[in-house]
Structure formats: C-alpha cells, structure tokens
C-alpha cells in the first residue's frame, strides 16, 4: 500500500504540471497553431490560385498564338495571291506588247517585200529594156548596115 500512497502523492504533485502543460498546449494552439494553420491555408490557396491563373494565361497565350498564326498564314496567302495576280498581269502586258511588236514587224516585212517586189519589177523592166537595146546593138555590130530587119534602110 505504500506504493499506492507514493503513487497518489506523485499524481497529486504532477497535477499542477499537467495543468500547466494543458494550458501551454491550449495557448500554443490559440497563439501559434491557428494563425499558422490559417497562413498555411492562405498560402496554399494563393499558390493554387497562382498556378490556375498561370494555366489560364498559358491557355490564353496559346489561343492568341493560334490566332496570330492564322492571321500570318492568311496574310502570306494574300501576298502570294497578289504576287500571282501581278505576275499574270505582267505576263498579259508582255504578251500584248509581243503581239503588238509582232504585228508591227509583220507590217514592216510586208512593206519591205512590197518594196523588194517593186524594185525587182523595176529591175526586170530595166533588164528587158537593156536586153532589147543590147540585142539591137549586137545585130548592128554583127550584120552589115543595110540588112537589119525592121530598119528603115532595109525597106527602101
């Protein structure tokens, strides 16, 4: 029984320590624990919010990038279409200029042919006239003076 009596005295002596310990735990919970838990919850909420906000910003940036890429692709296509249109226009103008030059050159060729034909006809006429004169001169030189056919001396 003495052990029980000693145990009872120890328990009775430890009551103020137990009360102090419980007060300390309650004070810690009230002064440090709750504010610390609140700060940790707030930090977690802010971190989670910031992460969600960053994900939203990344999604918005990707959407804007897609829009810009579409606009850039559209602008490139417009530039290529305009370039093709100008190329076709220039080719059309070139073809018209070539046709005009071809027409002018054909007219010049026709005029030159006509000029050559006229000159050739004139040369043929001169050759025919010169041939008649030369044949008459040859006949005069070869035949005696009174025997020429068609001459006025032979008829008399």
C-alpha atoms as a PDB file:
ATOM      1  CA  UNK A   1       0.000   0.000   0.000  1.00  0.00           C
ATOM      2  CA  UNK A   2       2.805   2.242   0.467  1.00  0.00           C
ATOM      3  CA  UNK A   3       3.430   2.141  -3.268  1.00  0.00           C
ATOM      4  CA  UNK A   4      -0.091   3.279  -3.880  1.00  0.00           C
ATOM      5  CA  UNK A   5       0.308   6.034  -1.409  1.00  0.00           C
ATOM      6  CA  UNK A   6       3.535   7.152  -3.099  1.00  0.00           C
ATOM      7  CA  UNK A   7       1.852   6.969  -6.490  1.00  0.00           C
ATOM      8  CA  UNK A   8      -1.035   9.038  -5.210  1.00  0.00           C
ATOM      9  CA  UNK A   9       1.435  11.655  -3.928  1.00  0.00           C
ATOM     10  CA  UNK A  10       3.245  11.712  -7.282  1.00  0.00           C
ATOM     11  CA  UNK A  11      -0.002  12.106  -9.187  1.00  0.00           C
ATOM     12  CA  UNK A  12      -1.094  14.844  -6.819  1.00  0.00           C
ATOM     13  CA  UNK A  13       2.253  16.587  -7.229  1.00  0.00           C
ATOM     14  CA  UNK A  14       2.078  16.281 -11.035  1.00  0.00           C
ATOM     15  CA  UNK A  15      -1.391  17.864 -11.317  1.00  0.00           C
ATOM     16  CA  UNK A  16      -0.046  21.415 -11.485  1.00  0.00           C
ATOM     17  CA  UNK A  17       2.459  20.289 -14.169  1.00  0.00           C
ATOM     18  CA  UNK A  18      -0.308  18.595 -16.126  1.00  0.00           C
ATOM     19  CA  UNK A  19      -2.482  21.703 -15.813  1.00  0.00           C
ATOM     20  CA  UNK A  20       0.412  23.903 -16.915  1.00  0.00           C
ATOM     21  CA  UNK A  21       1.129  21.565 -19.832  1.00  0.00           C
ATOM     22  CA  UNK A  22      -2.515  21.652 -20.912  1.00  0.00           C
ATOM     23  CA  UNK A  23      -2.575  25.445 -20.628  1.00  0.00           C
ATOM     24  CA  UNK A  24       0.601  25.607 -22.678  1.00  0.00           C
ATOM     25  CA  UNK A  25      -0.875  23.348 -25.396  1.00  0.00           C
ATOM     26  CA  UNK A  26      -4.074  25.447 -25.473  1.00  0.00           C
ATOM     27  CA  UNK A  27      -2.084  28.702 -25.567  1.00  0.00           C
ATOM     28  CA  UNK A  28       0.139  27.316 -28.357  1.00  0.00           C
ATOM     29  CA  UNK A  29      -2.940  26.258 -30.309  1.00  0.00           C
ATOM     30  CA  UNK A  30      -4.565  29.656 -29.826  1.00  0.00           C
ATOM     31  CA  UNK A  31      -1.499  31.862 -30.285  1.00  0.00           C
ATOM     32  CA  UNK A  32       0.579  29.918 -32.820  1.00  0.00           C
ATOM     33  CA  UNK A  33      -1.301  26.909 -34.188  1.00  0.00           C
ATOM     34  CA  UNK A  34      -4.456  28.559 -35.536  1.00  0.00           C
ATOM     35  CA  UNK A  35      -2.706  31.584 -37.108  1.00  0.00           C
ATOM     36  CA  UNK A  36      -0.057  29.268 -38.582  1.00  0.00           C
ATOM     37  CA  UNK A  37      -2.711  26.942 -40.000  1.00  0.00           C
ATOM     38  CA  UNK A  38      -4.575  29.973 -41.418  1.00  0.00           C
ATOM     39  CA  UNK A  39      -1.393  31.331 -43.014  1.00  0.00           C
ATOM     40  CA  UNK A  40      -0.567  27.904 -44.461  1.00  0.00           C
ATOM     41  CA  UNK A  41      -4.118  27.563 -45.840  1.00  0.00           C
ATOM     42  CA  UNK A  42      -3.914  31.069 -47.319  1.00  0.00           C
ATOM     43  CA  UNK A  43      -0.516  30.308 -48.864  1.00  0.00           C
ATOM     44  CA  UNK A  44      -1.856  27.057 -50.332  1.00  0.00           C
ATOM     45  CA  UNK A  45      -4.878  28.896 -51.713  1.00  0.00           C
ATOM     46  CA  UNK A  46      -2.691  31.612 -53.206  1.00  0.00           C
ATOM     47  CA  UNK A  47      -0.298  29.074 -54.709  1.00  0.00           C
ATOM     48  CA  UNK A  48      -3.144  27.068 -56.158  1.00  0.00           C
ATOM     49  CA  UNK A  49      -4.756  30.248 -57.460  1.00  0.00           C
ATOM     50  CA  UNK A  50      -1.492  31.428 -58.969  1.00  0.00           C
ATOM     51  CA  UNK A  51      -0.976  28.061 -60.644  1.00  0.00           C
ATOM     52  CA  UNK A  52      -4.529  28.138 -62.036  1.00  0.00           C
ATOM     53  CA  UNK A  53      -4.049  31.740 -63.124  1.00  0.00           C
ATOM     54  CA  UNK A  54      -0.773  30.796 -64.852  1.00  0.00           C
ATOM     55  CA  UNK A  55      -2.501  27.886 -66.609  1.00  0.00           C
ATOM     56  CA  UNK A  56      -5.225  30.263 -67.764  1.00  0.00           C
ATOM     57  CA  UNK A  57      -2.638  32.761 -69.011  1.00  0.00           C
ATOM     58  CA  UNK A  58      -0.789  29.993 -70.877  1.00  0.00           C
ATOM     59  CA  UNK A  59      -4.047  28.821 -72.482  1.00  0.00           C
ATOM     60  CA  UNK A  60      -4.889  32.413 -73.472  1.00  0.00           C
ATOM     61  CA  UNK A  61      -1.389  32.897 -74.886  1.00  0.00           C
ATOM     62  CA  UNK A  62      -1.704  29.682 -76.896  1.00  0.00           C
ATOM     63  CA  UNK A  63      -5.082  30.820 -78.224  1.00  0.00           C
ATOM     64  CA  UNK A  64      -3.614  34.205 -79.189  1.00  0.00           C
ATOM     65  CA  UNK A  65      -0.659  32.467 -80.815  1.00  0.00           C
ATOM     66  CA  UNK A  66      -3.058  30.362 -82.860  1.00  0.00           C
ATOM     67  CA  UNK A  67      -4.969  33.491 -83.895  1.00  0.00           C
ATOM     68  CA  UNK A  68      -1.727  35.266 -84.856  1.00  0.00           C
ATOM     69  CA  UNK A  69      -0.542  32.220 -86.809  1.00  0.00           C
ATOM     70  CA  UNK A  70      -3.860  32.131 -88.672  1.00  0.00           C
ATOM     71  CA  UNK A  71      -3.585  35.848 -89.441  1.00  0.00           C
ATOM     72  CA  UNK A  72       0.016  35.398 -90.566  1.00  0.00           C
ATOM     73  CA  UNK A  73      -0.938  32.452 -92.782  1.00  0.00           C
ATOM     74  CA  UNK A  74      -3.820  34.469 -94.219  1.00  0.00           C
ATOM     75  CA  UNK A  75      -1.541  37.460 -94.876  1.00  0.00           C
ATOM     76  CA  UNK A  76       1.007  35.210 -96.587  1.00  0.00           C
ATOM     77  CA  UNK A  77      -1.700  33.719 -98.768  1.00  0.00           C
ATOM     78  CA  UNK A  78      -2.938  37.201 -99.685  1.00  0.00           C
ATOM     79  CA  UNK A  79       0.600  38.276-100.562  1.00  0.00           C
ATOM     80  CA  UNK A  80       1.097  35.173-102.706  1.00  0.00           C
ATOM     81  CA  UNK A  81      -2.253  35.728-104.428  1.00  0.00           C
ATOM     82  CA  UNK A  82      -1.382  39.376-105.100  1.00  0.00           C
ATOM     83  CA  UNK A  83       2.026  38.334-106.426  1.00  0.00           C
ATOM     84  CA  UNK A  84       0.417  35.768-108.734  1.00  0.00           C
ATOM     85  CA  UNK A  85      -2.104  38.377-109.897  1.00  0.00           C
ATOM     86  CA  UNK A  86       0.700  40.857-110.683  1.00  0.00           C
ATOM     87  CA  UNK A  87       2.654  38.129-112.446  1.00  0.00           C
ATOM     88  CA  UNK A  88      -0.370  37.262-114.598  1.00  0.00           C
ATOM     89  CA  UNK A  89      -0.952  40.955-115.305  1.00  0.00           C
ATOM     90  CA  UNK A  90       2.683  41.448-116.305  1.00  0.00           C
ATOM     91  CA  UNK A  91       2.587  38.353-118.497  1.00  0.00           C
ATOM     92  CA  UNK A  92      -0.585  39.641-120.134  1.00  0.00           C
ATOM     93  CA  UNK A  93       1.018  43.025-120.746  1.00  0.00           C
ATOM     94  CA  UNK A  94       4.141  41.317-122.079  1.00  0.00           C
ATOM     95  CA  UNK A  95       2.068  39.133-124.377  1.00  0.00           C
ATOM     96  CA  UNK A  96       0.197  42.205-125.655  1.00  0.00           C
ATOM     97  CA  UNK A  97       3.483  44.030-126.247  1.00  0.00           C
ATOM     98  CA  UNK A  98       4.882  40.972-128.065  1.00  0.00           C
ATOM     99  CA  UNK A  99       1.754  40.741-130.221  1.00  0.00           C
ATOM    100  CA  UNK A 100       1.958  44.470-130.980  1.00  0.00           C
ATOM    101  CA  UNK A 101       5.649  44.169-131.859  1.00  0.00           C
ATOM    102  CA  UNK A 102       4.896  41.082-133.966  1.00  0.00           C
ATOM    103  CA  UNK A 103       2.168  42.967-135.806  1.00  0.00           C
ATOM    104  CA  UNK A 104       4.442  45.942-136.432  1.00  0.00           C
ATOM    105  CA  UNK A 105       7.257  43.681-137.604  1.00  0.00           C
ATOM    106  CA  UNK A 106       4.885  41.790-139.915  1.00  0.00           C
ATOM    107  CA  UNK A 107       3.719  45.099-141.382  1.00  0.00           C
ATOM    108  CA  UNK A 108       7.348  46.130-141.891  1.00  0.00           C
ATOM    109  CA  UNK A 109       8.116  42.768-143.508  1.00  0.00           C
ATOM    110  CA  UNK A 110       5.107  43.211-145.830  1.00  0.00           C
ATOM    111  CA  UNK A 111       6.221  46.732-146.704  1.00  0.00           C
ATOM    112  CA  UNK A 112       9.787  45.538-147.299  1.00  0.00           C
ATOM    113  CA  UNK A 113       8.524  42.680-149.522  1.00  0.00           C
ATOM    114  CA  UNK A 114       6.412  45.111-151.493  1.00  0.00           C
ATOM    115  CA  UNK A 115       9.408  47.415-151.861  1.00  0.00           C
ATOM    116  CA  UNK A 116      11.589  44.490-152.930  1.00  0.00           C
ATOM    117  CA  UNK A 117       8.943  43.309-155.413  1.00  0.00           C
ATOM    118  CA  UNK A 118       8.623  46.835-156.793  1.00  0.00           C
ATOM    119  CA  UNK A 119      12.384  47.128-157.067  1.00  0.00           C
ATOM    120  CA  UNK A 120      12.562  43.663-158.686  1.00  0.00           C
ATOM    121  CA  UNK A 121       9.839  44.609-161.202  1.00  0.00           C
ATOM    122  CA  UNK A 122      11.715  47.816-161.994  1.00  0.00           C
ATOM    123  CA  UNK A 123      14.943  45.877-162.386  1.00  0.00           C
ATOM    124  CA  UNK A 124      13.213  43.329-164.683  1.00  0.00           C
ATOM    125  CA  UNK A 125      11.862  46.192-166.778  1.00  0.00           C
ATOM    126  CA  UNK A 126      15.317  47.772-166.988  1.00  0.00           C
ATOM    127  CA  UNK A 127      16.816  44.382-167.878  1.00  0.00           C
ATOM    128  CA  UNK A 128      14.189  43.844-170.599  1.00  0.00           C
ATOM    129  CA  UNK A 129      14.778  47.344-171.988  1.00  0.00           C
ATOM    130  CA  UNK A 130      18.524  46.878-171.770  1.00  0.00           C
ATOM    131  CA  UNK A 131      18.201  43.448-173.423  1.00  0.00           C
ATOM    132  CA  UNK A 132      16.307  44.902-176.360  1.00  0.00           C
ATOM    133  CA  UNK A 133      18.871  47.688-176.774  1.00  0.00           C
ATOM    134  CA  UNK A 134      21.787  45.287-176.404  1.00  0.00           C
ATOM    135  CA  UNK A 135      20.350  42.853-178.946  1.00  0.00           C
ATOM    136  CA  UNK A 136      19.852  45.707-181.387  1.00  0.00           C
ATOM    137  CA  UNK A 137      23.418  46.891-180.814  1.00  0.00           C
ATOM    138  CA  UNK A 138      24.733  43.352-181.278  1.00  0.00           C
ATOM    139  CA  UNK A 139      22.802  42.972-184.504  1.00  0.00           C
ATOM    140  CA  UNK A 140      24.160  46.284-185.799  1.00  0.00           C
ATOM    141  CA  UNK A 141      27.633  45.274-184.918  1.00  0.00           C
ATOM    142  CA  UNK A 142      27.368  41.840-186.481  1.00  0.00           C
ATOM    143  CA  UNK A 143      25.222  42.485-189.579  1.00  0.00           C
ATOM    144  CA  UNK A 144      26.040  44.971-192.278  1.00  0.00           C
ATOM    145  CA  UNK A 145      24.294  48.316-192.199  1.00  0.00           C
ATOM    146  CA  UNK A 146      21.545  47.813-194.748  1.00  0.00           C
ATOM    147  CA  UNK A 147      20.410  44.319-193.759  1.00  0.00           C
ATOM    148  CA  UNK A 148      18.881  44.913-190.341  1.00  0.00           C
ATOM    149  CA  UNK A 149      15.304  43.716-190.094  1.00  0.00           C
ATOM    150  CA  UNK A 150      12.821  46.422-189.301  1.00  0.00           C
ATOM    151  CA  UNK A 151      15.243  49.162-190.104  1.00  0.00           C
ATOM    152  CA  UNK A 152      14.264  51.989-192.320  1.00  0.00           C
ATOM    153  CA  UNK A 153      17.238  51.482-194.670  1.00  0.00           C
ATOM    154  CA  UNK A 154      16.249  47.900-195.488  1.00  0.00           C
ATOM    155  CA  UNK A 155      12.739  48.925-196.516  1.00  0.00           C
ATOM    156  CA  UNK A 156      13.760  51.476-199.087  1.00  0.00           C
END
